[in-house]
Amino acid sequence: MTRPPSLGISIFLYITGILLVVLAIILLLQAFGVVKNIPKEAIWGLVLLSIGSGILSAIRRR
């Protein structure tokens, strides 16, 4: 039997996963020319949104 990961590790993994998916989508949209220029503030907003949703989803799964 394996123990489930601690809450801190779960939060870190959820944040990392969500952040990687969001940034990959942004890079693909920029590569295909759908989005020409994204301001830094919007990128930081998406990073903060990813962090917040990662924390909430890890806590909710507990």
N, C-alpha and C. Protein backbone atom coordinates (compact mmCIF):
# COMPACT_ATOMS: atom_id res chain seq x y z
N MET A 1 0.83 -1.17 0.00
CA MET A 1 0.00 0.00 0.00
C MET A 1 0.88 1.24 0.00
N THR A 2 0.49 2.19 -0.80
CA THR A 2 1.23 3.45 -0.85
C THR A 2 0.40 4.54 -0.19
N ARG A 3 1.12 5.45 0.41
CA ARG A 3 0.44 6.59 1.04
C ARG A 3 0.15 7.65 -0.01
N PRO A 4 -0.95 8.37 0.12
CA PRO A 4 -1.19 9.49 -0.80
C PRO A 4 -0.18 10.60 -0.50
N PRO A 5 0.18 11.39 -1.50
CA PRO A 5 1.14 12.46 -1.27
C PRO A 5 0.59 13.51 -0.30
N SER A 6 1.50 14.21 0.34
CA SER A 6 1.07 15.23 1.30
C SER A 6 0.36 16.37 0.57
N LEU A 7 -0.29 17.22 1.34
CA LEU A 7 -1.05 18.32 0.77
C LEU A 7 -0.13 19.28 0.02
N GLY A 8 1.05 19.54 0.55
CA GLY A 8 1.99 20.46 -0.11
C GLY A 8 2.44 19.95 -1.46
N ILE A 9 2.71 18.65 -1.54
CA ILE A 9 3.14 18.07 -2.81
C ILE A 9 1.98 18.06 -3.80
N SER A 10 0.78 17.78 -3.32
CA SER A 10 -0.39 17.79 -4.20
C SER A 10 -0.62 19.18 -4.77
N ILE A 11 -0.53 20.19 -3.92
CA ILE A 11 -0.73 21.57 -4.39
C ILE A 11 0.32 21.91 -5.43
N PHE A 12 1.58 21.57 -5.17
CA PHE A 12 2.65 21.87 -6.12
C PHE A 12 2.42 21.18 -7.46
N LEU A 13 2.01 19.92 -7.44
CA LEU A 13 1.78 19.19 -8.68
C LEU A 13 0.60 19.76 -9.47
N TYR A 14 -0.48 20.11 -8.78
CA TYR A 14 -1.62 20.71 -9.47
C TYR A 14 -1.25 22.05 -10.09
N ILE A 15 -0.52 22.88 -9.36
CA ILE A 15 -0.10 24.18 -9.88
C ILE A 15 0.78 23.99 -11.10
N THR A 16 1.74 23.10 -11.01
CA THR A 16 2.66 22.87 -12.12
C THR A 16 1.92 22.35 -13.35
N GLY A 17 1.01 21.43 -13.14
CA GLY A 17 0.26 20.88 -14.26
C GLY A 17 -0.61 21.90 -14.95
N ILE A 18 -1.35 22.67 -14.18
CA ILE A 18 -2.22 23.68 -14.76
C ILE A 18 -1.41 24.76 -15.46
N LEU A 19 -0.30 25.17 -14.84
CA LEU A 19 0.55 26.21 -15.43
C LEU A 19 1.15 25.74 -16.75
N LEU A 20 1.61 24.50 -16.81
CA LEU A 20 2.18 23.99 -18.05
C LEU A 20 1.15 23.92 -19.17
N VAL A 21 -0.05 23.51 -18.85
CA VAL A 21 -1.10 23.43 -19.87
C VAL A 21 -1.47 24.82 -20.38
N VAL A 22 -1.64 25.77 -19.48
CA VAL A 22 -2.01 27.14 -19.88
C VAL A 22 -0.91 27.76 -20.74
N LEU A 23 0.33 27.62 -20.32
CA LEU A 23 1.43 28.21 -21.09
C LEU A 23 1.60 27.52 -22.44
N ALA A 24 1.37 26.22 -22.51
CA ALA A 24 1.45 25.51 -23.80
C ALA A 24 0.37 26.00 -24.75
N ILE A 25 -0.83 26.24 -24.23
CA ILE A 25 -1.91 26.75 -25.08
C ILE A 25 -1.56 28.14 -25.59
N ILE A 26 -1.02 28.99 -24.73
CA ILE A 26 -0.63 30.34 -25.15
C ILE A 26 0.44 30.28 -26.23
N LEU A 27 1.45 29.44 -26.04
CA LEU A 27 2.51 29.32 -27.04
C LEU A 27 1.99 28.79 -28.37
N LEU A 28 1.07 27.84 -28.33
CA LEU A 28 0.49 27.35 -29.57
C LEU A 28 -0.33 28.42 -30.28
N LEU A 29 -1.10 29.19 -29.53
CA LEU A 29 -1.87 30.26 -30.14
C LEU A 29 -0.97 31.32 -30.76
N GLN A 30 0.15 31.63 -30.11
CA GLN A 30 1.10 32.57 -30.68
C GLN A 30 1.78 31.99 -31.91
N ALA A 31 2.09 30.71 -31.91
CA ALA A 31 2.77 30.08 -33.05
C ALA A 31 1.87 30.05 -34.28
N PHE A 32 0.58 29.84 -34.10
CA PHE A 32 -0.34 29.80 -35.23
C PHE A 32 -0.83 31.19 -35.63
N GLY A 33 -0.43 32.21 -34.92
CA GLY A 33 -0.77 33.58 -35.28
C GLY A 33 -2.15 34.02 -34.84
N VAL A 34 -2.80 33.23 -33.99
CA VAL A 34 -4.12 33.63 -33.49
C VAL A 34 -3.97 34.83 -32.56
N VAL A 35 -2.96 34.78 -31.73
CA VAL A 35 -2.69 35.86 -30.79
C VAL A 35 -1.33 36.45 -31.17
N LYS A 36 -1.33 37.71 -31.55
CA LYS A 36 -0.09 38.33 -31.99
C LYS A 36 0.80 38.76 -30.84
N ASN A 37 0.22 39.48 -29.89
CA ASN A 37 1.03 40.03 -28.81
C ASN A 37 0.22 39.99 -27.53
N ILE A 38 0.77 39.32 -26.54
CA ILE A 38 0.11 39.24 -25.24
C ILE A 38 0.91 40.08 -24.25
N PRO A 39 0.27 41.02 -23.56
CA PRO A 39 1.01 41.82 -22.59
C PRO A 39 1.49 40.98 -21.42
N LYS A 40 2.57 41.45 -20.80
CA LYS A 40 3.13 40.72 -19.65
C LYS A 40 2.13 40.61 -18.51
N GLU A 41 1.30 41.64 -18.34
CA GLU A 41 0.32 41.61 -17.26
C GLU A 41 -0.68 40.47 -17.45
N ALA A 42 -1.04 40.20 -18.69
CA ALA A 42 -1.98 39.10 -18.96
C ALA A 42 -1.32 37.75 -18.67
N ILE A 43 -0.05 37.62 -19.01
CA ILE A 43 0.67 36.37 -18.71
C ILE A 43 0.75 36.18 -17.21
N TRP A 44 1.09 37.24 -16.48
CA TRP A 44 1.16 37.12 -15.02
C TRP A 44 -0.21 36.82 -14.42
N GLY A 45 -1.24 37.38 -15.00
CA GLY A 45 -2.59 37.07 -14.54
C GLY A 45 -2.92 35.60 -14.73
N LEU A 46 -2.51 35.04 -15.86
CA LEU A 46 -2.75 33.62 -16.09
C LEU A 46 -1.93 32.74 -15.15
N VAL A 47 -0.72 33.17 -14.84
CA VAL A 47 0.11 32.42 -13.89
C VAL A 47 -0.55 32.42 -12.51
N LEU A 48 -1.01 33.59 -12.07
CA LEU A 48 -1.67 33.68 -10.76
C LEU A 48 -2.97 32.88 -10.75
N LEU A 49 -3.70 32.90 -11.85
CA LEU A 49 -4.93 32.12 -11.94
C LEU A 49 -4.61 30.62 -11.86
N SER A 50 -3.53 30.20 -12.50
CA SER A 50 -3.13 28.80 -12.44
C SER A 50 -2.75 28.39 -11.02
N ILE A 51 -2.03 29.26 -10.34
CA ILE A 51 -1.64 28.97 -8.96
C ILE A 51 -2.87 28.85 -8.07
N GLY A 52 -3.79 29.79 -8.20
CA GLY A 52 -5.00 29.76 -7.38
C GLY A 52 -5.85 28.54 -7.65
N SER A 53 -6.03 28.20 -8.93
CA SER A 53 -6.87 27.04 -9.23
C SER A 53 -6.17 25.74 -8.84
N GLY A 54 -4.84 25.70 -8.88
CA GLY A 54 -4.12 24.52 -8.43
C GLY A 54 -4.27 24.31 -6.94
N ILE A 55 -4.21 25.38 -6.18
CA ILE A 55 -4.39 25.28 -4.72
C ILE A 55 -5.81 24.83 -4.40
N LEU A 56 -6.79 25.44 -5.04
CA LEU A 56 -8.18 25.08 -4.76
C LEU A 56 -8.49 23.64 -5.16
N SER A 57 -7.98 23.19 -6.30
CA SER A 57 -8.29 21.82 -6.70
C SER A 57 -7.58 20.80 -5.82
N ALA A 58 -6.38 21.11 -5.34
CA ALA A 58 -5.69 20.17 -4.43
C ALA A 58 -6.40 20.09 -3.09
N ILE A 59 -6.87 21.21 -2.59
CA ILE A 59 -7.59 21.21 -1.32
C ILE A 59 -8.94 20.51 -1.48
N ARG A 60 -9.59 20.73 -2.60
CA ARG A 60 -10.89 20.12 -2.82
C ARG A 60 -10.80 18.60 -2.92
N ARG A 61 -9.71 18.08 -3.47
CA ARG A 61 -9.55 16.63 -3.60
C ARG A 61 -9.24 15.96 -2.28
N ARG A 62 -8.87 16.72 -1.27
CA ARG A 62 -8.56 16.15 0.05
C ARG A 62 -9.82 15.79 0.69
